[in-house]
């Protein structure tokens, strides 16, 4: 059984691409959930963030997003 040598530059490149893809999914998932929580169409905001460049789109969302509406706290009366 012969060991196959690892092509180190190719391995590093693919690792960087994999880490970038995981960060991309994490950031866009967060943007979607944050937009939905604030009462905005999450799919639309996520698409805008993705197609405008993920970093620029996410920063724009952080600056332009609406205020979080406070949730009423239910009070039980006995």
PDB file of N, CA and C in Angstrom:
ATOM      1  N   UNK A   1       0.843  -1.177   0.000  1.00  0.00           N
ATOM      2  CA  UNK A   1       0.000   0.000   0.000  1.00  0.00           C
ATOM      3  C   UNK A   1       0.889   1.241   0.000  1.00  0.00           C
ATOM      4  N   UNK A   2       0.688   2.059  -0.974  1.00  0.00           N
ATOM      5  CA  UNK A   2       1.512   3.250  -1.114  1.00  0.00           C
ATOM      6  C   UNK A   2       0.723   4.483  -0.669  1.00  0.00           C
ATOM      7  N   UNK A   3       1.367   5.347   0.113  1.00  0.00           N
ATOM      8  CA  UNK A   3       0.723   6.569   0.575  1.00  0.00           C
ATOM      9  C   UNK A   3       0.747   7.618  -0.526  1.00  0.00           C
ATOM     10  N   UNK A   4      -0.352   8.314  -0.658  1.00  0.00           N
ATOM     11  CA  UNK A   4      -0.446   9.370  -1.658  1.00  0.00           C
ATOM     12  C   UNK A   4       0.025  10.669  -1.011  1.00  0.00           C
ATOM     13  N   UNK A   5       1.005  11.339  -1.603  1.00  0.00           N
ATOM     14  CA  UNK A   5       1.466  12.602  -1.012  1.00  0.00           C
ATOM     15  C   UNK A   5       0.372  13.673  -1.097  1.00  0.00           C
ATOM     16  N   UNK A   6       0.305  14.489  -0.076  1.00  0.00           N
ATOM     17  CA  UNK A   6      -0.691  15.554  -0.017  1.00  0.00           C
ATOM     18  C   UNK A   6      -0.152  16.773  -0.756  1.00  0.00           C
ATOM     19  N   UNK A   7      -0.967  17.296  -1.644  1.00  0.00           N
ATOM     20  CA  UNK A   7      -0.619  18.524  -2.350  1.00  0.00           C
ATOM     21  C   UNK A   7      -0.965  19.685  -1.421  1.00  0.00           C
ATOM     22  N   UNK A   8       0.016  20.186  -0.678  1.00  0.00           N
ATOM     23  CA  UNK A   8      -0.214  21.156   0.384  1.00  0.00           C
ATOM     24  C   UNK A   8      -0.859  22.463  -0.093  1.00  0.00           C
ATOM     25  N   UNK A   9      -0.403  23.090  -1.165  1.00  0.00           N
ATOM     26  CA  UNK A   9      -1.071  24.330  -1.592  1.00  0.00           C
ATOM     27  C   UNK A   9      -2.551  24.116  -1.935  1.00  0.00           C
ATOM     28  N   UNK A  10      -2.855  23.002  -2.583  1.00  0.00           N
ATOM     29  CA  UNK A  10      -4.240  22.699  -2.924  1.00  0.00           C
ATOM     30  C   UNK A  10      -5.062  22.455  -1.660  1.00  0.00           C
ATOM     31  N   UNK A  11      -4.499  21.764  -0.687  1.00  0.00           N
ATOM     32  CA  UNK A  11      -5.186  21.496   0.578  1.00  0.00           C
ATOM     33  C   UNK A  11      -5.475  22.800   1.329  1.00  0.00           C
ATOM     34  N   UNK A  12      -4.501  23.699   1.377  1.00  0.00           N
ATOM     35  CA  UNK A  12      -4.685  24.985   2.062  1.00  0.00           C
ATOM     36  C   UNK A  12      -5.754  25.809   1.356  1.00  0.00           C
ATOM     37  N   UNK A  13      -5.717  25.830   0.035  1.00  0.00           N
ATOM     38  CA  UNK A  13      -6.715  26.573  -0.737  1.00  0.00           C
ATOM     39  C   UNK A  13      -8.125  26.047  -0.470  1.00  0.00           C
ATOM     40  N   UNK A  14      -8.298  24.744  -0.511  1.00  0.00           N
ATOM     41  CA  UNK A  14      -9.619  24.160  -0.274  1.00  0.00           C
ATOM     42  C   UNK A  14     -10.080  24.370   1.164  1.00  0.00           C
ATOM     43  N   UNK A  15      -9.154  24.372   2.111  1.00  0.00           N
ATOM     44  CA  UNK A  15      -9.510  24.642   3.504  1.00  0.00           C
ATOM     45  C   UNK A  15      -9.996  26.078   3.667  1.00  0.00           C
ATOM     46  N   UNK A  16      -9.310  27.018   3.041  1.00  0.00           N
ATOM     47  CA  UNK A  16      -9.724  28.422   3.111  1.00  0.00           C
ATOM     48  C   UNK A  16     -11.102  28.603   2.477  1.00  0.00           C
ATOM     49  N   UNK A  17     -11.343  27.977   1.341  1.00  0.00           N
ATOM     50  CA  UNK A  17     -12.651  28.057   0.683  1.00  0.00           C
ATOM     51  C   UNK A  17     -13.731  27.461   1.584  1.00  0.00           C
ATOM     52  N   UNK A  18     -13.443  26.339   2.236  1.00  0.00           N
ATOM     53  CA  UNK A  18     -14.411  25.711   3.136  1.00  0.00           C
ATOM     54  C   UNK A  18     -14.746  26.588   4.326  1.00  0.00           C
ATOM     55  N   UNK A  19     -13.733  27.200   4.932  1.00  0.00           N
ATOM     56  CA  UNK A  19     -13.968  28.095   6.074  1.00  0.00           C
ATOM     57  C   UNK A  19     -14.772  29.310   5.625  1.00  0.00           C
ATOM     58  N   UNK A  20     -14.460  29.852   4.458  1.00  0.00           N
ATOM     59  CA  UNK A  20     -15.209  30.994   3.924  1.00  0.00           C
ATOM     60  C   UNK A  20     -16.676  30.632   3.709  1.00  0.00           C
ATOM     61  N   UNK A  21     -16.937  29.453   3.157  1.00  0.00           N
ATOM     62  CA  UNK A  21     -18.319  29.034   2.914  1.00  0.00           C
ATOM     63  C   UNK A  21     -19.082  28.860   4.224  1.00  0.00           C
ATOM     64  N   UNK A  22     -18.426  28.315   5.255  1.00  0.00           N
ATOM     65  CA  UNK A  22     -19.091  28.159   6.552  1.00  0.00           C
ATOM     66  C   UNK A  22     -19.413  29.523   7.157  1.00  0.00           C
ATOM     67  N   UNK A  23     -18.479  30.472   7.076  1.00  0.00           N
ATOM     68  CA  UNK A  23     -18.736  31.827   7.574  1.00  0.00           C
ATOM     69  C   UNK A  23     -19.858  32.505   6.791  1.00  0.00           C
ATOM     70  N   UNK A  24     -19.887  32.295   5.494  1.00  0.00           N
ATOM     71  CA  UNK A  24     -20.930  32.864   4.654  1.00  0.00           C
ATOM     72  C   UNK A  24     -22.305  32.352   5.071  1.00  0.00           C
ATOM     73  N   UNK A  25     -22.411  31.055   5.285  1.00  0.00           N
ATOM     74  CA  UNK A  25     -23.685  30.467   5.717  1.00  0.00           C
ATOM     75  C   UNK A  25     -24.071  30.994   7.092  1.00  0.00           C
ATOM     76  N   UNK A  26     -23.116  31.083   8.011  1.00  0.00           N
ATOM     77  CA  UNK A  26     -23.406  31.581   9.356  1.00  0.00           C
ATOM     78  C   UNK A  26     -23.899  33.027   9.319  1.00  0.00           C
ATOM     79  N   UNK A  27     -23.211  33.886   8.584  1.00  0.00           N
ATOM     80  CA  UNK A  27     -23.575  35.304   8.527  1.00  0.00           C
ATOM     81  C   UNK A  27     -24.949  35.487   7.892  1.00  0.00           C
ATOM     82  N   UNK A  28     -25.193  34.807   6.770  1.00  0.00           N
ATOM     83  CA  UNK A  28     -26.479  34.972   6.095  1.00  0.00           C
ATOM     84  C   UNK A  28     -27.624  34.381   6.905  1.00  0.00           C
ATOM     85  N   UNK A  29     -27.375  33.305   7.646  1.00  0.00           N
ATOM     86  CA  UNK A  29     -28.406  32.749   8.528  1.00  0.00           C
ATOM     87  C   UNK A  29     -28.732  33.731   9.637  1.00  0.00           C
ATOM     88  N   UNK A  30     -27.716  34.355  10.204  1.00  0.00           N
ATOM     89  CA  UNK A  30     -27.953  35.347  11.254  1.00  0.00           C
ATOM     90  C   UNK A  30     -28.743  36.539  10.716  1.00  0.00           C
ATOM     91  N   UNK A  31     -28.383  37.023   9.520  1.00  0.00           N
ATOM     92  CA  UNK A  31     -29.096  38.152   8.919  1.00  0.00           C
ATOM     93  C   UNK A  31     -30.560  37.782   8.704  1.00  0.00           C
ATOM     94  N   UNK A  32     -30.826  36.571   8.224  1.00  0.00           N
ATOM     95  CA  UNK A  32     -32.207  36.131   7.994  1.00  0.00           C
ATOM     96  C   UNK A  32     -33.011  36.129   9.292  1.00  0.00           C
ATOM     97  N   UNK A  33     -32.469  35.504  10.337  1.00  0.00           N
ATOM     98  CA  UNK A  33     -33.196  35.422  11.606  1.00  0.00           C
ATOM     99  C   UNK A  33     -33.364  36.802  12.252  1.00  0.00           C
ATOM    100  N   UNK A  34     -32.362  37.651  12.138  1.00  0.00           N
ATOM    101  CA  UNK A  34     -32.460  38.994  12.702  1.00  0.00           C
ATOM    102  C   UNK A  34     -33.534  39.805  11.979  1.00  0.00           C
ATOM    103  N   UNK A  35     -33.592  39.689  10.659  1.00  0.00           N
ATOM    104  CA  UNK A  35     -34.609  40.421   9.896  1.00  0.00           C
ATOM    105  C   UNK A  35     -36.006  39.920  10.238  1.00  0.00           C
ATOM    106  N   UNK A  36     -36.174  38.614  10.340  1.00  0.00           N
ATOM    107  CA  UNK A  36     -37.487  38.063  10.687  1.00  0.00           C
ATOM    108  C   UNK A  36     -37.911  38.507  12.083  1.00  0.00           C
ATOM    109  N   UNK A  37     -36.973  38.544  13.008  1.00  0.00           N
ATOM    110  CA  UNK A  37     -37.277  38.951  14.379  1.00  0.00           C
ATOM    111  C   UNK A  37     -37.700  40.416  14.432  1.00  0.00           C
ATOM    112  N   UNK A  38     -37.201  41.213  13.506  1.00  0.00           N
ATOM    113  CA  UNK A  38     -37.530  42.641  13.485  1.00  0.00           C
ATOM    114  C   UNK A  38     -38.724  42.950  12.591  1.00  0.00           C
ATOM    115  N   UNK A  39     -39.384  41.926  12.071  1.00  0.00           N
ATOM    116  CA  UNK A  39     -40.596  42.126  11.290  1.00  0.00           C
ATOM    117  C   UNK A  39     -40.369  42.487   9.837  1.00  0.00           C
ATOM    118  N   UNK A  40     -39.219  42.141   9.293  1.00  0.00           N
ATOM    119  CA  UNK A  40     -38.891  42.434   7.898  1.00  0.00           C
ATOM    120  C   UNK A  40     -38.760  41.099   7.172  1.00  0.00           C
ATOM    121  N   UNK A  41     -39.018  41.091   5.868  1.00  0.00           N
ATOM    122  CA  UNK A  41     -38.899  39.879   5.073  1.00  0.00           C
ATOM    123  C   UNK A  41     -37.441  39.404   5.083  1.00  0.00           C
ATOM    124  N   UNK A  42     -37.174  38.315   5.791  1.00  0.00           N
ATOM    125  CA  UNK A  42     -35.812  37.828   5.965  1.00  0.00           C
ATOM    126  C   UNK A  42     -35.177  37.343   4.685  1.00  0.00           C
ATOM    127  N   UNK A  43     -35.972  36.707   3.815  1.00  0.00           N
ATOM    128  CA  UNK A  43     -35.429  36.196   2.561  1.00  0.00           C
ATOM    129  C   UNK A  43     -34.973  37.338   1.653  1.00  0.00           C
ATOM    130  N   UNK A  44     -35.744  38.399   1.613  1.00  0.00           N
ATOM    131  CA  UNK A  44     -35.376  39.555   0.795  1.00  0.00           C
ATOM    132  C   UNK A  44     -34.103  40.219   1.319  1.00  0.00           C
ATOM    133  N   UNK A  45     -34.018  40.419   2.624  1.00  0.00           N
ATOM    134  CA  UNK A  45     -32.834  41.057   3.214  1.00  0.00           C
ATOM    135  C   UNK A  45     -31.601  40.178   3.030  1.00  0.00           C
ATOM    136  N   UNK A  46     -31.772  38.863   3.173  1.00  0.00           N
ATOM    137  CA  UNK A  46     -30.644  37.948   2.980  1.00  0.00           C
ATOM    138  C   UNK A  46     -30.165  37.986   1.535  1.00  0.00           C
ATOM    139  N   UNK A  47     -31.095  38.015   0.590  1.00  0.00           N
ATOM    140  CA  UNK A  47     -30.713  38.090  -0.824  1.00  0.00           C
ATOM    141  C   UNK A  47     -29.987  39.400  -1.123  1.00  0.00           C
ATOM    142  N   UNK A  48     -30.479  40.495  -0.574  1.00  0.00           N
ATOM    143  CA  UNK A  48     -29.810  41.788  -0.779  1.00  0.00           C
ATOM    144  C   UNK A  48     -28.406  41.762  -0.178  1.00  0.00           C
ATOM    145  N   UNK A  49     -28.273  41.197   1.024  1.00  0.00           N
ATOM    146  CA  UNK A  49     -26.959  41.116   1.672  1.00  0.00           C
ATOM    147  C   UNK A  49     -26.008  40.242   0.861  1.00  0.00           C
ATOM    148  N   UNK A  50     -26.516  39.153   0.297  1.00  0.00           N
ATOM    149  CA  UNK A  50     -25.665  38.242  -0.469  1.00  0.00           C
ATOM    150  C   UNK A  50     -25.213  38.871  -1.783  1.00  0.00           C
ATOM    151  N   UNK A  51     -26.151  39.451  -2.522  1.00  0.00           N
ATOM    152  CA  UNK A  51     -25.818  39.958  -3.850  1.00  0.00           C
ATOM    153  C   UNK A  51     -25.121  41.314  -3.831  1.00  0.00           C
ATOM    154  N   UNK A  52     -25.134  42.006  -2.697  1.00  0.00           N
ATOM    155  CA  UNK A  52     -24.404  43.272  -2.621  1.00  0.00           C
ATOM    156  C   UNK A  52     -23.006  43.078  -2.035  1.00  0.00           C
ATOM    157  N   UNK A  53     -22.616  41.859  -1.882  1.00  0.00           N
ATOM    158  CA  UNK A  53     -21.341  41.563  -1.240  1.00  0.00           C
ATOM    159  C   UNK A  53     -21.638  41.306   0.222  1.00  0.00           C
ATOM    160  N   UNK A  54     -21.326  40.151   0.698  1.00  0.00           N
ATOM    161  CA  UNK A  54     -21.785  39.729   2.019  1.00  0.00           C
ATOM    162  C   UNK A  54     -21.346  40.680   3.122  1.00  0.00           C
ATOM    163  N   UNK A  55     -20.102  41.110   3.109  1.00  0.00           N
ATOM    164  CA  UNK A  55     -19.619  41.987   4.174  1.00  0.00           C
ATOM    165  C   UNK A  55     -20.301  43.353   4.077  1.00  0.00           C
ATOM    166  N   UNK A  56     -20.336  43.938   2.885  1.00  0.00           N
ATOM    167  CA  UNK A  56     -20.984  45.242   2.712  1.00  0.00           C
ATOM    168  C   UNK A  56     -22.474  45.156   3.014  1.00  0.00           C
ATOM    169  N   UNK A  57     -23.137  44.110   2.538  1.00  0.00           N
ATOM    170  CA  UNK A  57     -24.567  43.949   2.776  1.00  0.00           C
ATOM    171  C   UNK A  57     -24.897  43.749   4.240  1.00  0.00           C
ATOM    172  N   UNK A  58     -24.060  42.996   4.952  1.00  0.00           N
ATOM    173  CA  UNK A  58     -24.283  42.779   6.381  1.00  0.00           C
ATOM    174  C   UNK A  58     -24.061  44.067   7.161  1.00  0.00           C
ATOM    175  N   UNK A  59     -23.030  44.810   6.820  1.00  0.00           N
ATOM    176  CA  UNK A  59     -22.796  46.092   7.493  1.00  0.00           C
ATOM    177  C   UNK A  59     -23.930  47.074   7.210  1.00  0.00           C
ATOM    178  N   UNK A  60     -24.436  47.076   5.979  1.00  0.00           N
ATOM    179  CA  UNK A  60     -25.565  47.947   5.651  1.00  0.00           C
ATOM    180  C   UNK A  60     -26.796  47.545   6.456  1.00  0.00           C
ATOM    181  N   UNK A  61     -27.023  46.244   6.626  1.00  0.00           N
ATOM    182  CA  UNK A  61     -28.159  45.782   7.430  1.00  0.00           C
ATOM    183  C   UNK A  61     -27.988  46.206   8.887  1.00  0.00           C
ATOM    184  N   UNK A  62     -26.783  46.111   9.413  1.00  0.00           N
ATOM    185  CA  UNK A  62     -26.552  46.510  10.801  1.00  0.00           C
ATOM    186  C   UNK A  62     -26.827  47.995  11.010  1.00  0.00           C
ATOM    187  N   UNK A  63     -26.523  48.818  10.012  1.00  0.00           N
ATOM    188  CA  UNK A  63     -26.730  50.261  10.140  1.00  0.00           C
ATOM    189  C   UNK A  63     -28.195  50.634   9.897  1.00  0.00           C
ATOM    190  N   UNK A  64     -28.840  50.004   8.926  1.00  0.00           N
ATOM    191  CA  UNK A  64     -30.170  50.422   8.488  1.00  0.00           C
ATOM    192  C   UNK A  64     -31.318  49.614   9.075  1.00  0.00           C
ATOM    193  N   UNK A  65     -31.041  48.600   9.859  1.00  0.00           N
ATOM    194  CA  UNK A  65     -32.124  47.745  10.356  1.00  0.00           C
ATOM    195  C   UNK A  65     -33.023  48.504  11.329  1.00  0.00           C
ATOM    196  N   UNK A  66     -34.322  48.135  11.356  1.00  0.00           N
ATOM    197  CA  UNK A  66     -35.247  48.820  12.270  1.00  0.00           C
ATOM    198  C   UNK A  66     -35.005  48.411  13.717  1.00  0.00           C
ATOM    199  N   UNK A  67     -35.518  49.226  14.615  1.00  0.00           N
ATOM    200  CA  UNK A  67     -35.380  48.919  16.042  1.00  0.00           C
ATOM    201  C   UNK A  67     -36.161  47.653  16.371  1.00  0.00           C
ATOM    202  N   UNK A  68     -35.677  46.933  17.355  1.00  0.00           N
ATOM    203  CA  UNK A  68     -36.349  45.725  17.813  1.00  0.00           C
ATOM    204  C   UNK A  68     -37.549  46.130  18.652  1.00  0.00           C
ATOM    205  N   UNK A  69     -38.707  45.596  18.289  1.00  0.00           N
ATOM    206  CA  UNK A  69     -39.925  45.928  19.018  1.00  0.00           C
ATOM    207  C   UNK A  69     -39.977  45.098  20.297  1.00  0.00           C
ATOM    208  N   UNK A  70     -40.218  45.735  21.434  1.00  0.00           N
ATOM    209  CA  UNK A  70     -40.274  44.962  22.678  1.00  0.00           C
ATOM    210  C   UNK A  70     -41.489  44.036  22.682  1.00  0.00           C
ATOM    211  N   UNK A  71     -41.275  42.839  23.166  1.00  0.00           N
ATOM    212  CA  UNK A  71     -42.346  41.860  23.263  1.00  0.00           C
ATOM    213  C   UNK A  71     -43.082  42.056  24.574  1.00  0.00           C
ATOM    214  N   UNK A  72     -44.411  42.014  24.544  1.00  0.00           N
ATOM    215  CA  UNK A  72     -45.147  42.148  25.801  1.00  0.00           C
ATOM    216  C   UNK A  72     -44.918  40.936  26.695  1.00  0.00           C
ATOM    217  N   UNK A  73     -44.825  41.186  27.972  1.00  0.00           N
ATOM    218  CA  UNK A  73     -44.633  40.109  28.938  1.00  0.00           C
ATOM    219  C   UNK A  73     -46.002  39.730  29.491  1.00  0.00           C
ATOM    220  N   UNK A  74     -46.416  38.483  29.281  1.00  0.00           N
ATOM    221  CA  UNK A  74     -47.735  38.090  29.785  1.00  0.00           C
ATOM    222  C   UNK A  74     -47.734  38.026  31.317  1.00  0.00           C
ATOM    223  N   UNK A  75     -48.798  38.548  31.909  1.00  0.00           N
ATOM    224  CA  UNK A  75     -48.937  38.544  33.370  1.00  0.00           C
ATOM    225  C   UNK A  75     -50.145  37.686  33.713  1.00  0.00           C
ATOM    226  N   UNK A  76     -49.915  36.718  34.555  1.00  0.00           N
ATOM    227  CA  UNK A  76     -51.025  35.861  34.986  1.00  0.00           C
ATOM    228  C   UNK A  76     -51.651  36.447  36.232  1.00  0.00           C
ATOM    229  N   UNK A  77     -52.932  36.484  36.227  1.00  0.00           N
ATOM    230  CA  UNK A  77     -53.654  36.968  37.407  1.00  0.00           C
ATOM    231  C   UNK A  77     -54.267  35.768  38.105  1.00  0.00           C
ATOM    232  N   UNK A  78     -54.124  35.738  39.415  1.00  0.00           N
ATOM    233  CA  UNK A  78     -54.691  34.623  40.190  1.00  0.00           C
ATOM    234  C   UNK A  78     -56.026  34.987  40.766  1.00  0.00           C
TER     235      UNK A  78
END
